[in-house]
């Protein structure tokens, strides 16, 4: 029993999207239990889950996160 940190291998810089992304973490156990956390929050969440459910194993997975504002396509000139 313990915590596994599953790391995401980022794409090369030539294939990265034009949007600025940051690494966020989520706690999983065959399904996502909590997401959009920094590493400290994820570790704290796993610790609480382990205290409440000592027989289960929880993993922390990292992923690229982009804010909603950065995913917008911009102004559509046909609408104005």
PDB file of N, CA and C in Angstrom:
ATOM      1  N   UNK A   1       0.847  -1.188   0.000  1.00  0.00           N
ATOM      2  CA  UNK A   1       0.000   0.000   0.000  1.00  0.00           C
ATOM      3  C   UNK A   1       0.884   1.240   0.000  1.00  0.00           C
ATOM      4  N   UNK A   2       0.452   2.234  -0.727  1.00  0.00           N
ATOM      5  CA  UNK A   2       1.238   3.444  -0.781  1.00  0.00           C
ATOM      6  C   UNK A   2       0.744   4.372  -1.868  1.00  0.00           C
ATOM      7  N   UNK A   3       1.619   5.282  -2.229  1.00  0.00           N
ATOM      8  CA  UNK A   3       1.294   6.281  -3.233  1.00  0.00           C
ATOM      9  C   UNK A   3       2.215   6.066  -4.425  1.00  0.00           C
ATOM     10  N   UNK A   4       1.645   6.020  -5.610  1.00  0.00           N
ATOM     11  CA  UNK A   4       2.435   5.986  -6.828  1.00  0.00           C
ATOM     12  C   UNK A   4       2.245   7.312  -7.539  1.00  0.00           C
ATOM     13  N   UNK A   5       3.329   7.895  -7.994  1.00  0.00           N
ATOM     14  CA  UNK A   5       3.263   9.133  -8.765  1.00  0.00           C
ATOM     15  C   UNK A   5       3.452   8.766 -10.217  1.00  0.00           C
ATOM     16  N   UNK A   6       2.394   8.929 -11.013  1.00  0.00           N
ATOM     17  CA  UNK A   6       2.424   8.608 -12.432  1.00  0.00           C
ATOM     18  C   UNK A   6       2.763   9.881 -13.174  1.00  0.00           C
ATOM     19  N   UNK A   7       3.878   9.882 -13.875  1.00  0.00           N
ATOM     20  CA  UNK A   7       4.315  11.105 -14.543  1.00  0.00           C
ATOM     21  C   UNK A   7       3.910  11.097 -15.999  1.00  0.00           C
ATOM     22  N   UNK A   8       3.606  12.258 -16.481  1.00  0.00           N
ATOM     23  CA  UNK A   8       3.216  12.489 -17.857  1.00  0.00           C
ATOM     24  C   UNK A   8       4.442  12.947 -18.625  1.00  0.00           C
ATOM     25  N   UNK A   9       4.710  12.344 -19.754  1.00  0.00           N
ATOM     26  CA  UNK A   9       5.850  12.763 -20.574  1.00  0.00           C
ATOM     27  C   UNK A   9       5.378  13.837 -21.539  1.00  0.00           C
ATOM     28  N   UNK A  10       5.796  15.090 -21.337  1.00  0.00           N
ATOM     29  CA  UNK A  10       5.326  16.154 -22.211  1.00  0.00           C
ATOM     30  C   UNK A  10       5.829  15.965 -23.632  1.00  0.00           C
ATOM     31  N   UNK A  11       5.046  16.483 -24.582  1.00  0.00           N
ATOM     32  CA  UNK A  11       5.424  16.411 -25.984  1.00  0.00           C
ATOM     33  C   UNK A  11       6.607  17.322 -26.227  1.00  0.00           C
ATOM     34  N   UNK A  12       7.284  17.099 -27.326  1.00  0.00           N
ATOM     35  CA  UNK A  12       8.403  17.969 -27.651  1.00  0.00           C
ATOM     36  C   UNK A  12       7.895  19.368 -27.922  1.00  0.00           C
ATOM     37  N   UNK A  13       8.767  20.359 -27.799  1.00  0.00           N
ATOM     38  CA  UNK A  13       8.353  21.752 -27.932  1.00  0.00           C
ATOM     39  C   UNK A  13       7.787  22.053 -29.308  1.00  0.00           C
ATOM     40  N   UNK A  14       8.178  21.319 -30.335  1.00  0.00           N
ATOM     41  CA  UNK A  14       7.661  21.577 -31.674  1.00  0.00           C
ATOM     42  C   UNK A  14       6.217  21.118 -31.823  1.00  0.00           C
ATOM     43  N   UNK A  15       5.771  20.164 -30.992  1.00  0.00           N
ATOM     44  CA  UNK A  15       4.399  19.682 -31.098  1.00  0.00           C
ATOM     45  C   UNK A  15       3.504  20.226 -29.997  1.00  0.00           C
ATOM     46  N   UNK A  16       4.039  21.049 -29.102  1.00  0.00           N
ATOM     47  CA  UNK A  16       3.231  21.624 -28.033  1.00  0.00           C
ATOM     48  C   UNK A  16       2.250  22.628 -28.624  1.00  0.00           C
ATOM     49  N   UNK A  17       1.110  22.778 -27.997  1.00  0.00           N
ATOM     50  CA  UNK A  17       0.136  23.741 -28.487  1.00  0.00           C
ATOM     51  C   UNK A  17       0.627  25.156 -28.206  1.00  0.00           C
ATOM     52  N   UNK A  18      -0.035  26.110 -28.829  1.00  0.00           N
ATOM     53  CA  UNK A  18       0.379  27.488 -28.653  1.00  0.00           C
ATOM     54  C   UNK A  18      -0.070  28.052 -27.312  1.00  0.00           C
ATOM     55  N   UNK A  19      -0.846  27.310 -26.567  1.00  0.00           N
ATOM     56  CA  UNK A  19      -1.352  27.775 -25.285  1.00  0.00           C
ATOM     57  C   UNK A  19      -0.382  27.435 -24.167  1.00  0.00           C
ATOM     58  N   UNK A  20      -0.298  28.323 -23.201  1.00  0.00           N
ATOM     59  CA  UNK A  20       0.555  28.072 -22.048  1.00  0.00           C
ATOM     60  C   UNK A  20      -0.142  27.069 -21.146  1.00  0.00           C
ATOM     61  N   UNK A  21       0.558  26.008 -20.803  1.00  0.00           N
ATOM     62  CA  UNK A  21      -0.016  24.985 -19.935  1.00  0.00           C
ATOM     63  C   UNK A  21       0.815  24.878 -18.672  1.00  0.00           C
ATOM     64  N   UNK A  22       0.227  24.303 -17.660  1.00  0.00           N
ATOM     65  CA  UNK A  22       0.962  24.028 -16.437  1.00  0.00           C
ATOM     66  C   UNK A  22       0.628  22.610 -16.003  1.00  0.00           C
ATOM     67  N   UNK A  23       1.535  22.006 -15.288  1.00  0.00           N
ATOM     68  CA  UNK A  23       1.327  20.652 -14.801  1.00  0.00           C
ATOM     69  C   UNK A  23       0.447  20.728 -13.562  1.00  0.00           C
ATOM     70  N   UNK A  24      -0.644  19.982 -13.578  1.00  0.00           N
ATOM     71  CA  UNK A  24      -1.536  19.849 -12.428  1.00  0.00           C
ATOM     72  C   UNK A  24      -1.580  18.372 -12.062  1.00  0.00           C
ATOM     73  N   UNK A  25      -2.104  18.060 -10.912  1.00  0.00           N
ATOM     74  CA  UNK A  25      -2.139  16.695 -10.417  1.00  0.00           C
ATOM     75  C   UNK A  25      -3.556  16.298 -10.048  1.00  0.00           C
ATOM     76  N   UNK A  26      -3.836  15.006 -10.188  1.00  0.00           N
ATOM     77  CA  UNK A  26      -5.133  14.472  -9.770  1.00  0.00           C
ATOM     78  C   UNK A  26      -4.913  13.151  -9.061  1.00  0.00           C
ATOM     79  N   UNK A  27      -5.794  12.855  -8.136  1.00  0.00           N
ATOM     80  CA  UNK A  27      -5.734  11.609  -7.369  1.00  0.00           C
ATOM     81  C   UNK A  27      -6.672  10.623  -8.035  1.00  0.00           C
ATOM     82  N   UNK A  28      -6.167   9.423  -8.320  1.00  0.00           N
ATOM     83  CA  UNK A  28      -6.976   8.426  -9.015  1.00  0.00           C
ATOM     84  C   UNK A  28      -6.940   7.093  -8.270  1.00  0.00           C
ATOM     85  N   UNK A  29      -7.987   6.330  -8.468  1.00  0.00           N
ATOM     86  CA  UNK A  29      -8.092   4.959  -7.974  1.00  0.00           C
ATOM     87  C   UNK A  29      -9.069   4.260  -8.917  1.00  0.00           C
ATOM     88  N   UNK A  30      -8.594   3.933 -10.113  1.00  0.00           N
ATOM     89  CA  UNK A  30      -9.398   3.394 -11.211  1.00  0.00           C
ATOM     90  C   UNK A  30     -10.398   4.424 -11.735  1.00  0.00           C
ATOM     91  N   UNK A  31     -10.561   5.509 -11.068  1.00  0.00           N
ATOM     92  CA  UNK A  31     -11.372   6.643 -11.505  1.00  0.00           C
ATOM     93  C   UNK A  31     -10.784   7.899 -10.863  1.00  0.00           C
ATOM     94  N   UNK A  32     -11.099   9.041 -11.438  1.00  0.00           N
ATOM     95  CA  UNK A  32     -10.570  10.291 -10.892  1.00  0.00           C
ATOM     96  C   UNK A  32     -11.360  10.656  -9.645  1.00  0.00           C
ATOM     97  N   UNK A  33     -10.665  10.834  -8.543  1.00  0.00           N
ATOM     98  CA  UNK A  33     -11.302  11.179  -7.277  1.00  0.00           C
ATOM     99  C   UNK A  33     -11.218  12.674  -6.993  1.00  0.00           C
ATOM    100  N   UNK A  34     -10.136  13.312  -7.429  1.00  0.00           N
ATOM    101  CA  UNK A  34      -9.951  14.747  -7.224  1.00  0.00           C
ATOM    102  C   UNK A  34      -8.959  15.235  -8.285  1.00  0.00           C
ATOM    103  N   UNK A  35      -9.169  16.462  -8.770  1.00  0.00           N
ATOM    104  CA  UNK A  35      -8.259  16.965  -9.803  1.00  0.00           C
ATOM    105  C   UNK A  35      -8.042  18.473  -9.646  1.00  0.00           C
ATOM    106  N   UNK A  36      -7.214  19.035 -10.527  1.00  0.00           N
ATOM    107  CA  UNK A  36      -6.852  20.458 -10.531  1.00  0.00           C
ATOM    108  C   UNK A  36      -6.150  20.885  -9.244  1.00  0.00           C
ATOM    109  N   UNK A  37      -5.220  20.065  -8.784  1.00  0.00           N
ATOM    110  CA  UNK A  37      -4.490  20.363  -7.556  1.00  0.00           C
ATOM    111  C   UNK A  37      -3.008  20.506  -7.844  1.00  0.00           C
ATOM    112  N   UNK A  38      -2.314  21.238  -6.983  1.00  0.00           N
ATOM    113  CA  UNK A  38      -0.858  21.215  -7.065  1.00  0.00           C
ATOM    114  C   UNK A  38      -0.390  19.981  -6.294  1.00  0.00           C
ATOM    115  N   UNK A  39       0.909  19.706  -6.355  1.00  0.00           N
ATOM    116  CA  UNK A  39       1.423  18.465  -5.772  1.00  0.00           C
ATOM    117  C   UNK A  39       1.168  18.374  -4.275  1.00  0.00           C
ATOM    118  N   UNK A  40       1.330  19.473  -3.563  1.00  0.00           N
ATOM    119  CA  UNK A  40       1.108  19.461  -2.113  1.00  0.00           C
ATOM    120  C   UNK A  40      -0.345  19.120  -1.775  1.00  0.00           C
ATOM    121  N   UNK A  41      -1.285  19.697  -2.506  1.00  0.00           N
ATOM    122  CA  UNK A  41      -2.699  19.395  -2.272  1.00  0.00           C
ATOM    123  C   UNK A  41      -3.005  17.935  -2.589  1.00  0.00           C
ATOM    124  N   UNK A  42      -2.412  17.412  -3.669  1.00  0.00           N
ATOM    125  CA  UNK A  42      -2.639  16.014  -4.038  1.00  0.00           C
ATOM    126  C   UNK A  42      -2.102  15.067  -2.976  1.00  0.00           C
ATOM    127  N   UNK A  43      -0.914  15.360  -2.460  1.00  0.00           N
ATOM    128  CA  UNK A  43      -0.339  14.516  -1.405  1.00  0.00           C
ATOM    129  C   UNK A  43      -1.197  14.546  -0.143  1.00  0.00           C
ATOM    130  N   UNK A  44      -1.708  15.719   0.202  1.00  0.00           N
ATOM    131  CA  UNK A  44      -2.566  15.846   1.381  1.00  0.00           C
ATOM    132  C   UNK A  44      -3.873  15.072   1.179  1.00  0.00           C
ATOM    133  N   UNK A  45      -4.430  15.152  -0.017  1.00  0.00           N
ATOM    134  CA  UNK A  45      -5.668  14.433  -0.318  1.00  0.00           C
ATOM    135  C   UNK A  45      -5.463  12.927  -0.221  1.00  0.00           C
ATOM    136  N   UNK A  46      -4.357  12.430  -0.761  1.00  0.00           N
ATOM    137  CA  UNK A  46      -4.064  11.000  -0.680  1.00  0.00           C
ATOM    138  C   UNK A  46      -3.884  10.571   0.768  1.00  0.00           C
ATOM    139  N   UNK A  47      -3.234  11.388   1.551  1.00  0.00           N
ATOM    140  CA  UNK A  47      -3.037  11.043   2.965  1.00  0.00           C
ATOM    141  C   UNK A  47      -4.373  10.913   3.699  1.00  0.00           C
ATOM    142  N   UNK A  48      -5.291  11.822   3.443  1.00  0.00           N
ATOM    143  CA  UNK A  48      -6.616  11.749   4.070  1.00  0.00           C
ATOM    144  C   UNK A  48      -7.360  10.505   3.588  1.00  0.00           C
ATOM    145  N   UNK A  49      -7.292  10.222   2.283  1.00  0.00           N
ATOM    146  CA  UNK A  49      -7.957   9.029   1.750  1.00  0.00           C
ATOM    147  C   UNK A  49      -7.367   7.752   2.326  1.00  0.00           C
ATOM    148  N   UNK A  50      -6.037   7.715   2.499  1.00  0.00           N
ATOM    149  CA  UNK A  50      -5.398   6.534   3.072  1.00  0.00           C
ATOM    150  C   UNK A  50      -5.787   6.327   4.525  1.00  0.00           C
ATOM    151  N   UNK A  51      -5.971   7.401   5.272  1.00  0.00           N
ATOM    152  CA  UNK A  51      -6.399   7.274   6.675  1.00  0.00           C
ATOM    153  C   UNK A  51      -7.810   6.692   6.732  1.00  0.00           C
ATOM    154  N   UNK A  52      -8.685   7.165   5.836  1.00  0.00           N
ATOM    155  CA  UNK A  52     -10.075   6.702   5.826  1.00  0.00           C
ATOM    156  C   UNK A  52     -10.251   5.334   5.173  1.00  0.00           C
ATOM    157  N   UNK A  53      -9.372   4.971   4.246  1.00  0.00           N
ATOM    158  CA  UNK A  53      -9.471   3.697   3.522  1.00  0.00           C
ATOM    159  C   UNK A  53      -8.086   3.061   3.432  1.00  0.00           C
ATOM    160  N   UNK A  54      -7.574   2.499   4.521  1.00  0.00           N
ATOM    161  CA  UNK A  54      -6.195   1.991   4.529  1.00  0.00           C
ATOM    162  C   UNK A  54      -5.964   0.796   3.603  1.00  0.00           C
ATOM    163  N   UNK A  55      -7.020   0.113   3.160  1.00  0.00           N
ATOM    164  CA  UNK A  55      -6.860  -1.073   2.321  1.00  0.00           C
ATOM    165  C   UNK A  55      -6.761  -0.754   0.834  1.00  0.00           C
ATOM    166  N   UNK A  56      -6.925   0.507   0.439  1.00  0.00           N
ATOM    167  CA  UNK A  56      -6.893   0.888  -0.976  1.00  0.00           C
ATOM    168  C   UNK A  56      -5.590   1.606  -1.312  1.00  0.00           C
ATOM    169  N   UNK A  57      -5.191   1.495  -2.576  1.00  0.00           N
ATOM    170  CA  UNK A  57      -4.006   2.182  -3.074  1.00  0.00           C
ATOM    171  C   UNK A  57      -4.463   3.338  -3.953  1.00  0.00           C
ATOM    172  N   UNK A  58      -3.903   4.505  -3.715  1.00  0.00           N
ATOM    173  CA  UNK A  58      -4.245   5.698  -4.484  1.00  0.00           C
ATOM    174  C   UNK A  58      -3.018   6.154  -5.261  1.00  0.00           C
ATOM    175  N   UNK A  59      -3.245   6.626  -6.458  1.00  0.00           N
ATOM    176  CA  UNK A  59      -2.175   7.113  -7.316  1.00  0.00           C
ATOM    177  C   UNK A  59      -2.346   8.607  -7.534  1.00  0.00           C
ATOM    178  N   UNK A  60      -1.224   9.272  -7.765  1.00  0.00           N
ATOM    179  CA  UNK A  60      -1.247  10.681  -8.152  1.00  0.00           C
ATOM    180  C   UNK A  60      -0.733  10.747  -9.573  1.00  0.00           C
ATOM    181  N   UNK A  61      -1.512  11.344 -10.436  1.00  0.00           N
ATOM    182  CA  UNK A  61      -1.177  11.431 -11.851  1.00  0.00           C
ATOM    183  C   UNK A  61      -1.029  12.896 -12.235  1.00  0.00           C
ATOM    184  N   UNK A  62       0.007  13.223 -12.986  1.00  0.00           N
ATOM    185  CA  UNK A  62       0.139  14.606 -13.443  1.00  0.00           C
ATOM    186  C   UNK A  62      -0.396  14.729 -14.866  1.00  0.00           C
ATOM    187  N   UNK A  63      -0.829  15.917 -15.226  1.00  0.00           N
ATOM    188  CA  UNK A  63      -1.379  16.164 -16.561  1.00  0.00           C
ATOM    189  C   UNK A  63      -1.213  17.641 -16.883  1.00  0.00           C
ATOM    190  N   UNK A  64      -1.283  17.955 -18.165  1.00  0.00           N
ATOM    191  CA  UNK A  64      -1.178  19.343 -18.597  1.00  0.00           C
ATOM    192  C   UNK A  64      -2.540  20.013 -18.462  1.00  0.00           C
ATOM    193  N   UNK A  65      -2.548  21.155 -17.822  1.00  0.00           N
ATOM    194  CA  UNK A  65      -3.777  21.905 -17.579  1.00  0.00           C
ATOM    195  C   UNK A  65      -3.672  23.248 -18.275  1.00  0.00           C
ATOM    196  N   UNK A  66      -4.728  23.643 -18.983  1.00  0.00           N
ATOM    197  CA  UNK A  66      -4.794  24.940 -19.641  1.00  0.00           C
ATOM    198  C   UNK A  66      -6.076  25.617 -19.193  1.00  0.00           C
ATOM    199  N   UNK A  67      -5.980  26.896 -18.823  1.00  0.00           N
ATOM    200  CA  UNK A  67      -7.168  27.608 -18.363  1.00  0.00           C
ATOM    201  C   UNK A  67      -8.153  27.819 -19.508  1.00  0.00           C
ATOM    202  N   UNK A  68      -9.406  28.018 -19.174  1.00  0.00           N
ATOM    203  CA  UNK A  68     -10.458  28.221 -20.166  1.00  0.00           C
ATOM    204  C   UNK A  68     -10.169  29.461 -21.006  1.00  0.00           C
ATOM    205  N   UNK A  69      -9.661  30.505 -20.388  1.00  0.00           N
ATOM    206  CA  UNK A  69      -9.381  31.741 -21.106  1.00  0.00           C
ATOM    207  C   UNK A  69      -8.350  31.525 -22.204  1.00  0.00           C
ATOM    208  N   UNK A  70      -7.393  30.653 -21.969  1.00  0.00           N
ATOM    209  CA  UNK A  70      -6.338  30.415 -22.950  1.00  0.00           C
ATOM    210  C   UNK A  70      -6.798  29.519 -24.085  1.00  0.00           C
ATOM    211  N   UNK A  71      -7.879  28.779 -23.899  1.00  0.00           N
ATOM    212  CA  UNK A  71      -8.374  27.885 -24.940  1.00  0.00           C
ATOM    213  C   UNK A  71      -9.316  28.578 -25.913  1.00  0.00           C
ATOM    214  N   UNK A  72      -9.686  29.791 -25.641  1.00  0.00           N
ATOM    215  CA  UNK A  72     -10.581  30.505 -26.547  1.00  0.00           C
ATOM    216  C   UNK A  72      -9.890  30.750 -27.873  1.00  0.00           C
ATOM    217  N   UNK A  73     -10.671  30.830 -28.899  1.00  0.00           N
ATOM    218  CA  UNK A  73     -10.107  31.019 -30.226  1.00  0.00           C
ATOM    219  C   UNK A  73      -9.965  32.492 -30.597  1.00  0.00           C
ATOM    220  N   UNK A  74     -10.524  33.360 -29.803  1.00  0.00           N
ATOM    221  CA  UNK A  74     -10.424  34.784 -30.105  1.00  0.00           C
ATOM    222  C   UNK A  74     -11.714  35.316 -30.701  1.00  0.00           C
ATOM    223  N   UNK A  75     -11.658  36.543 -31.143  1.00  0.00           N
ATOM    224  CA  UNK A  75     -12.832  37.222 -31.687  1.00  0.00           C
ATOM    225  C   UNK A  75     -13.131  36.687 -33.086  1.00  0.00           C
ATOM    226  N   UNK A  76     -14.391  36.429 -33.356  1.00  0.00           N
ATOM    227  CA  UNK A  76     -14.833  36.003 -34.679  1.00  0.00           C
ATOM    228  C   UNK A  76     -15.257  37.253 -35.440  1.00  0.00           C
ATOM    229  N   UNK A  77     -14.516  37.651 -36.476  1.00  0.00           N
ATOM    230  CA  UNK A  77     -14.856  38.889 -37.196  1.00  0.00           C
ATOM    231  C   UNK A  77     -16.193  38.808 -37.916  1.00  0.00           C
ATOM    232  N   UNK A  78     -16.675  37.627 -38.212  1.00  0.00           N
ATOM    233  CA  UNK A  78     -17.973  37.493 -38.885  1.00  0.00           C
ATOM    234  C   UNK A  78     -19.132  37.833 -37.949  1.00  0.00           C
ATOM    235  N   UNK A  79     -18.896  37.772 -36.657  1.00  0.00           N
ATOM    236  CA  UNK A  79     -19.962  38.067 -35.698  1.00  0.00           C
ATOM    237  C   UNK A  79     -20.047  39.548 -35.375  1.00  0.00           C
ATOM    238  N   UNK A  80     -19.090  40.337 -35.769  1.00  0.00           N
ATOM    239  CA  UNK A  80     -19.057  41.760 -35.401  1.00  0.00           C
ATOM    240  C   UNK A  80     -19.292  42.635 -36.585  1.00  0.00           C
TER     241      UNK A  80
END
